[in-house]
C-alpha atoms as a PDB file:
ATOM      1  CA  MET A   1      74.708  65.888   8.237  1.00  0.00           C
ATOM      2  CA  LYS A   2      73.773  62.278   7.557  1.00  0.00           C
ATOM      3  CA  ASN A   3      73.296  63.043   3.838  1.00  0.00           C
ATOM      4  CA  ASN A   4      76.753  64.676   3.648  1.00  0.00           C
ATOM      5  CA  LYS A   5      78.266  61.604   5.263  1.00  0.00           C
ATOM      6  CA  LYS A   6      76.514  59.402   2.680  1.00  0.00           C
ATOM      7  CA  ILE A   7      77.809  61.488  -0.187  1.00  0.00           C
ATOM      8  CA  PHE A   8      81.322  61.507   1.258  1.00  0.00           C
ATOM      9  CA  LEU A   9      81.392  57.767   1.843  1.00  0.00           C
ATOM     10  CA  ASN A  10      80.111  56.993  -1.635  1.00  0.00           C
ATOM     11  CA  SER A  11      82.738  59.306  -3.088  1.00  0.00           C
ATOM     12  CA  VAL A  12      85.402  57.460  -1.099  1.00  0.00           C
ATOM     13  CA  VAL A  13      84.162  54.103  -2.331  1.00  0.00           C
ATOM     14  CA  SER A  14      83.974  55.241  -5.964  1.00  0.00           C
ATOM     15  CA  ALA A  15      87.438  56.809  -5.726  1.00  0.00           C
ATOM     16  CA  PHE A  16      88.748  53.556  -4.276  1.00  0.00           C
ATOM     17  CA  LEU A  17      87.282  51.611  -7.186  1.00  0.00           C
ATOM     18  CA  ALA A  18      88.697  54.048  -9.744  1.00  0.00           C
ATOM     19  CA  LEU A  19      92.118  53.937  -8.089  1.00  0.00           C
ATOM     20  CA  ARG A  20      92.002  50.155  -8.091  1.00  0.00           C
ATOM     21  CA  MET A  21      91.442  50.219 -11.872  1.00  0.00           C
ATOM     22  CA  PHE A  22      94.025  52.888 -12.809  1.00  0.00           C
ATOM     23  CA  LEU A  23      96.819  52.406 -10.258  1.00  0.00           C
ATOM     24  CA  PRO A  24      98.707  49.817 -12.358  1.00  0.00           C
ATOM     25  CA  ILE A  25      98.886  52.274 -15.268  1.00  0.00           C
ATOM     26  CA  ILE A  26      99.991  55.180 -13.064  1.00  0.00           C
ATOM     27  CA  ALA A  27     102.511  53.081 -11.149  1.00  0.00           C
ATOM     28  CA  SER A  28     104.116  51.792 -14.326  1.00  0.00           C
ATOM     29  CA  GLY A  29     105.684  55.222 -14.869  1.00  0.00           C
ATOM     30  CA  GLN A  30     105.437  54.785 -18.641  1.00  0.00           C
ATOM     31  CA  VAL A  31     103.975  58.233 -19.272  1.00  0.00           C
ATOM     32  CA  SER A  32     106.108  60.696 -21.248  1.00  0.00           C
ATOM     33  CA  TYR A  33     104.813  64.222 -21.790  1.00  0.00           C
ATOM     34  CA  ASP A  34     107.686  65.640 -23.852  1.00  0.00           C
ATOM     35  CA  LYS A  35     106.056  65.199 -27.225  1.00  0.00           C
ATOM     36  CA  LEU A  36     102.468  66.030 -26.270  1.00  0.00           C
ATOM     37  CA  SER A  37     100.805  69.088 -27.780  1.00  0.00           C
ATOM     38  CA  ALA A  38      99.329  71.819 -25.588  1.00  0.00           C
ATOM     39  CA  THR A  39      95.847  70.360 -26.108  1.00  0.00           C
ATOM     40  CA  GLU A  40      97.009  66.885 -25.088  1.00  0.00           C
ATOM     41  CA  VAL A  41      98.845  68.212 -22.018  1.00  0.00           C
ATOM     42  CA  LEU A  42      95.737  70.176 -21.064  1.00  0.00           C
ATOM     43  CA  GLN A  43      93.590  67.048 -21.295  1.00  0.00           C
ATOM     44  CA  VAL A  44      96.007  65.006 -19.181  1.00  0.00           C
ATOM     45  CA  TRP A  45      96.283  67.750 -16.573  1.00  0.00           C
ATOM     46  CA  LEU A  46      92.544  68.391 -16.282  1.00  0.00           C
ATOM     47  CA  ARG A  47      91.958  64.711 -15.540  1.00  0.00           C
ATOM     48  CA  SER A  48      94.707  64.300 -12.974  1.00  0.00           C
ATOM     49  CA  ASN A  49      95.082  64.962  -9.284  1.00  0.00           C
ATOM     50  CA  CYS A  50      96.131  68.558  -8.598  1.00  0.00           C
ATOM     51  CA  ASP A  51      99.609  67.465  -7.559  1.00  0.00           C
ATOM     52  CA  ALA A  52      99.913  64.798 -10.238  1.00  0.00           C
ATOM     53  CA  GLY A  53     103.106  65.115 -12.111  1.00  0.00           C
ATOM     54  CA  GLU A  54     104.923  66.878  -9.297  1.00  0.00           C
ATOM     55  CA  ASN A  55     107.647  64.254  -9.519  1.00  0.00           C
ATOM     56  CA  ASN A  56     107.694  63.978 -13.280  1.00  0.00           C
ATOM     57  CA  SER A  57     107.749  66.064 -16.397  1.00  0.00           C
ATOM     58  CA  LEU A  58     104.101  67.185 -16.675  1.00  0.00           C
ATOM     59  CA  PRO A  59     104.552  70.536 -14.876  1.00  0.00           C
ATOM     60  CA  GLU A  60     107.737  71.130 -16.861  1.00  0.00           C
ATOM     61  CA  ARG A  61     105.849  70.505 -20.085  1.00  0.00           C
ATOM     62  CA  ILE A  62     103.129  72.928 -18.966  1.00  0.00           C
ATOM     63  CA  LYS A  63     105.813  75.559 -18.278  1.00  0.00           C
ATOM     64  CA  ALA A  64     107.315  74.965 -21.713  1.00  0.00           C
ATOM     65  CA  LEU A  65     103.899  75.495 -23.290  1.00  0.00           C
ATOM     66  CA  ALA A  66     102.837  78.304 -20.929  1.00  0.00           C
ATOM     67  CA  THR A  67     102.019  80.952 -23.533  1.00  0.00           C
ATOM     68  CA  GLU A  68      99.929  78.539 -25.590  1.00  0.00           C
ATOM     69  CA  ILE A  69      98.301  76.599 -22.781  1.00  0.00           C
ATOM     70  CA  GLU A  70      97.384  79.399 -20.348  1.00  0.00           C
ATOM     71  CA  PRO A  71      94.377  80.605 -22.413  1.00  0.00           C
ATOM     72  CA  MET A  72      93.244  76.983 -22.579  1.00  0.00           C
ATOM     73  CA  PHE A  73      93.352  76.708 -18.770  1.00  0.00           C
ATOM     74  CA  ILE A  74      91.404  79.962 -18.484  1.00  0.00           C
ATOM     75  CA  ASN A  75      88.775  78.669 -20.892  1.00  0.00           C
ATOM     76  CA  ALA A  76      88.604  75.331 -19.062  1.00  0.00           C
ATOM     77  CA  PHE A  77      88.019  77.172 -15.795  1.00  0.00           C
ATOM     78  CA  ARG A  78      85.357  79.472 -17.233  1.00  0.00           C
ATOM     79  CA  GLU A  79      83.515  76.982 -19.444  1.00  0.00           C
ATOM     80  CA  GLY A  80      84.068  73.682 -17.647  1.00  0.00           C
ATOM     81  CA  PRO A  81      84.102  70.365 -19.500  1.00  0.00           C
ATOM     82  CA  SER A  82      82.154  69.723 -22.684  1.00  0.00           C
ATOM     83  CA  THR A  83      78.785  67.986 -22.690  1.00  0.00           C
ATOM     84  CA  GLU A  84      80.516  64.988 -24.276  1.00  0.00           C
ATOM     85  CA  GLU A  85      83.052  64.797 -21.438  1.00  0.00           C
ATOM     86  CA  ILE A  86      80.305  65.033 -18.833  1.00  0.00           C
ATOM     87  CA  SER A  87      78.411  62.261 -20.611  1.00  0.00           C
ATOM     88  CA  LYS A  88      81.516  60.046 -20.565  1.00  0.00           C
ATOM     89  CA  VAL A  89      81.926  60.644 -16.835  1.00  0.00           C
ATOM     90  CA  GLN A  90      78.262  59.796 -16.299  1.00  0.00           C
ATOM     91  CA  ASN A  91      78.712  56.521 -18.210  1.00  0.00           C
ATOM     92  CA  ILE A  92      81.809  55.618 -16.191  1.00  0.00           C
ATOM     93  CA  SER A  93      80.040  56.574 -12.958  1.00  0.00           C
ATOM     94  CA  ASN A  94      77.098  54.377 -13.902  1.00  0.00           C
ATOM     95  CA  LYS A  95      79.483  51.440 -14.307  1.00  0.00           C
ATOM     96  CA  GLN A  96      81.266  52.328 -11.053  1.00  0.00           C
ATOM     97  CA  TYR A  97      77.950  52.354  -9.220  1.00  0.00           C
ATOM     98  CA  GLU A  98      77.053  48.958 -10.625  1.00  0.00           C
ATOM     99  CA  THR A  99      80.496  47.581  -9.731  1.00  0.00           C
ATOM    100  CA  MET A 100      80.310  49.070  -6.239  1.00  0.00           C
ATOM    101  CA  GLN A 101      76.824  47.687  -5.589  1.00  0.00           C
ATOM    102  CA  ASN A 102      77.795  44.237  -6.911  1.00  0.00           C
ATOM    103  CA  ALA A 103      80.927  44.233  -4.746  1.00  0.00           C
ATOM    104  CA  ILE A 104      78.914  45.219  -1.676  1.00  0.00           C
ATOM    105  CA  LYS A 105      76.332  42.507  -2.428  1.00  0.00           C
ATOM    106  CA  SER A 106      79.139  39.949  -2.598  1.00  0.00           C
ATOM    107  CA  GLY A 107      80.396  40.971   0.835  1.00  0.00           C
ATOM    108  CA  GLU A 108      83.199  43.410  -0.083  1.00  0.00           C
ATOM    109  CA  ASP A 109      83.498  46.075   2.608  1.00  0.00           C
ATOM    110  CA  PHE A 110      86.410  48.149   1.212  1.00  0.00           C
ATOM    111  CA  GLY A 111      87.776  48.335   4.759  1.00  0.00           C
ATOM    112  CA  LEU A 112      84.774  50.421   5.810  1.00  0.00           C
ATOM    113  CA  LYS A 113      82.633  49.968   8.915  1.00  0.00           C
ATOM    114  CA  LYS A 114      79.304  48.175   8.520  1.00  0.00           C
ATOM    115  CA  GLU A 115      77.419  51.455   8.969  1.00  0.00           C
ATOM    116  CA  GLU A 116      79.459  53.041   6.192  1.00  0.00           C
ATOM    117  CA  VAL A 117      78.864  50.109   3.841  1.00  0.00           C
ATOM    118  CA  ASP A 118      75.133  50.339   4.608  1.00  0.00           C
ATOM    119  CA  ILE A 119      75.169  54.016   3.652  1.00  0.00           C
ATOM    120  CA  ALA A 120      76.958  53.227   0.370  1.00  0.00           C
ATOM    121  CA  ARG A 121      74.506  50.408  -0.302  1.00  0.00           C
ATOM    122  CA  SER A 122      71.502  52.662   0.238  1.00  0.00           C
ATOM    123  CA  GLN A 123      72.536  55.483  -2.111  1.00  0.00           C
ATOM    124  CA  SER A 124      70.383  55.585  -5.218  1.00  0.00           C
ATOM    125  CA  LEU A 125      71.857  55.581  -8.703  1.00  0.00           C
ATOM    126  CA  PRO A 126      70.517  59.083  -9.550  1.00  0.00           C
ATOM    127  CA  ALA A 127      71.993  60.529  -6.337  1.00  0.00           C
ATOM    128  CA  PHE A 128      75.321  58.801  -6.998  1.00  0.00           C
ATOM    129  CA  LEU A 129      75.436  60.055 -10.607  1.00  0.00           C
ATOM    130  CA  GLU A 130      74.627  63.622  -9.578  1.00  0.00           C
ATOM    131  CA  ASN A 131      77.314  63.544  -6.895  1.00  0.00           C
ATOM    132  CA  GLU A 132      79.919  62.166  -9.310  1.00  0.00           C
ATOM    133  CA  LYS A 133      78.995  64.746 -11.957  1.00  0.00           C
ATOM    134  CA  ASN A 134      79.321  67.589  -9.440  1.00  0.00           C
ATOM    135  CA  ASN A 135      82.651  66.214  -8.218  1.00  0.00           C
ATOM    136  CA  PHE A 136      83.921  66.024 -11.803  1.00  0.00           C
ATOM    137  CA  LEU A 137      82.833  69.588 -12.632  1.00  0.00           C
ATOM    138  CA  LEU A 138      84.501  70.954  -9.516  1.00  0.00           C
ATOM    139  CA  ALA A 139      87.681  68.918  -9.978  1.00  0.00           C
ATOM    140  CA  TYR A 140      87.970  69.925 -13.642  1.00  0.00           C
ATOM    141  CA  ARG A 141      87.723  73.627 -12.859  1.00  0.00           C
ATOM    142  CA  SER A 142      90.029  73.217  -9.858  1.00  0.00           C
ATOM    143  CA  GLN A 143      92.652  71.580 -12.060  1.00  0.00           C
ATOM    144  CA  ALA A 144      92.379  74.470 -14.506  1.00  0.00           C
ATOM    145  CA  LEU A 145      93.184  76.887 -11.661  1.00  0.00           C
ATOM    146  CA  MET A 146      96.122  74.742 -10.561  1.00  0.00           C
ATOM    147  CA  GLY A 147      97.388  74.741 -14.145  1.00  0.00           C
ATOM    148  CA  LEU A 148      97.396  78.545 -14.025  1.00  0.00           C
ATOM    149  CA  SER A 149      99.704  78.357 -11.002  1.00  0.00           C
ATOM    150  CA  ILE A 150     102.242  76.682 -13.275  1.00  0.00           C
ATOM    151  CA  THR A 151     101.877  78.869 -16.361  1.00  0.00           C
ATOM    152  CA  GLY A 152     102.373  82.013 -14.273  1.00  0.00           C
ATOM    153  CA  GLY A 153     101.063  84.489 -16.845  1.00  0.00           C
ATOM    154  CA  ASP A 154      99.335  87.766 -16.033  1.00  0.00           C
ATOM    155  CA  ALA A 155      95.915  86.653 -17.313  1.00  0.00           C
ATOM    156  CA  GLY A 156      96.108  83.514 -15.171  1.00  0.00           C
ATOM    157  CA  LYS A 157      97.211  85.483 -12.109  1.00  0.00           C
ATOM    158  CA  ASN A 158      94.260  87.820 -12.591  1.00  0.00           C
ATOM    159  CA  ILE A 159      91.810  84.892 -12.668  1.00  0.00           C
ATOM    160  CA  LEU A 160      93.398  83.415  -9.542  1.00  0.00           C
ATOM    161  CA  ARG A 161      93.226  86.772  -7.750  1.00  0.00           C
ATOM    162  CA  GLN A 162      89.571  87.245  -8.696  1.00  0.00           C
ATOM    163  CA  VAL A 163      88.549  83.814  -7.471  1.00  0.00           C
ATOM    164  CA  SER A 164      90.656  84.000  -4.315  1.00  0.00           C
ATOM    165  CA  SER A 165      89.141  87.373  -3.381  1.00  0.00           C
ATOM    166  CA  ASP A 166      85.578  86.029  -3.641  1.00  0.00           C
ATOM    167  CA  GLU A 167      85.015  84.273  -0.315  1.00  0.00           C
ATOM    168  CA  LYS A 168      81.802  82.702  -1.640  1.00  0.00           C
ATOM    169  CA  ALA A 169      83.405  81.189  -4.740  1.00  0.00           C
ATOM    170  CA  PRO A 170      83.369  77.368  -4.606  1.00  0.00           C
ATOM    171  CA  LEU A 171      87.032  77.285  -5.639  1.00  0.00           C
ATOM    172  CA  ASN A 172      88.203  80.134  -3.421  1.00  0.00           C
ATOM    173  CA  SER A 173      90.575  77.958  -1.382  1.00  0.00           C
ATOM    174  CA  THR A 174      91.952  76.339  -4.538  1.00  0.00           C
ATOM    175  CA  ALA A 175      92.707  79.751  -6.035  1.00  0.00           C
ATOM    176  CA  LYS A 176      94.395  80.870  -2.809  1.00  0.00           C
ATOM    177  CA  TYR A 177      96.508  77.712  -2.779  1.00  0.00           C
ATOM    178  CA  ALA A 178      97.402  78.162  -6.466  1.00  0.00           C
ATOM    179  CA  LEU A 179      98.489  81.763  -5.868  1.00  0.00           C
ATOM    180  CA  LYS A 180     100.552  80.719  -2.862  1.00  0.00           C
ATOM    181  CA  LYS A 181     102.166  77.951  -4.878  1.00  0.00           C
ATOM    182  CA  MET A 182     102.887  80.365  -7.729  1.00  0.00           C
ATOM    183  CA  GLU A 183     104.457  82.900  -5.366  1.00  0.00           C
ATOM    184  CA  SER A 184     106.631  80.233  -3.725  1.00  0.00           C
ATOM    185  CA  LYS A 185     108.194  79.414  -7.104  1.00  0.00           C
ATOM    186  CA  LYS A 186     109.508  82.941  -7.632  1.00  0.00           C
END
């Protein structure tokens, strides 16, 4: 239980740091998806929060590209990110860890309790990197499933049904949510 709490708290801290870096870009609202290709839309979607774009044109662009992009979402779910993408995430995570540890050393507490800061401080770099890699792999595949809830094609529905019927699948609840979301749009 204590180890899970450590992992969770370090994930919260790293997410906080990432949000702190990217929030100005997101908040600027300067993103336009209208002219992006299916591959570009896929890349944006796979790196966003599952409900990102709900109030903008990203889901509409996915719908417009549904026939072309659905096989890409299926492949992203099945294959996961490339080795190069994983390596990039590892490099970013390494920098995040260093930034987090330096901030903690300087007295930054991120609004966390002392016990929580101590847990974040004590996590090793290898453990942090492994946790961040696993989070990225899961989030990437989860986003692919959520993309299928927008495309609405038969192949995508079949993938969602398969995953949602396997109670032991790590993304079972995501697939169930995606199916529910897809059905609510009918």
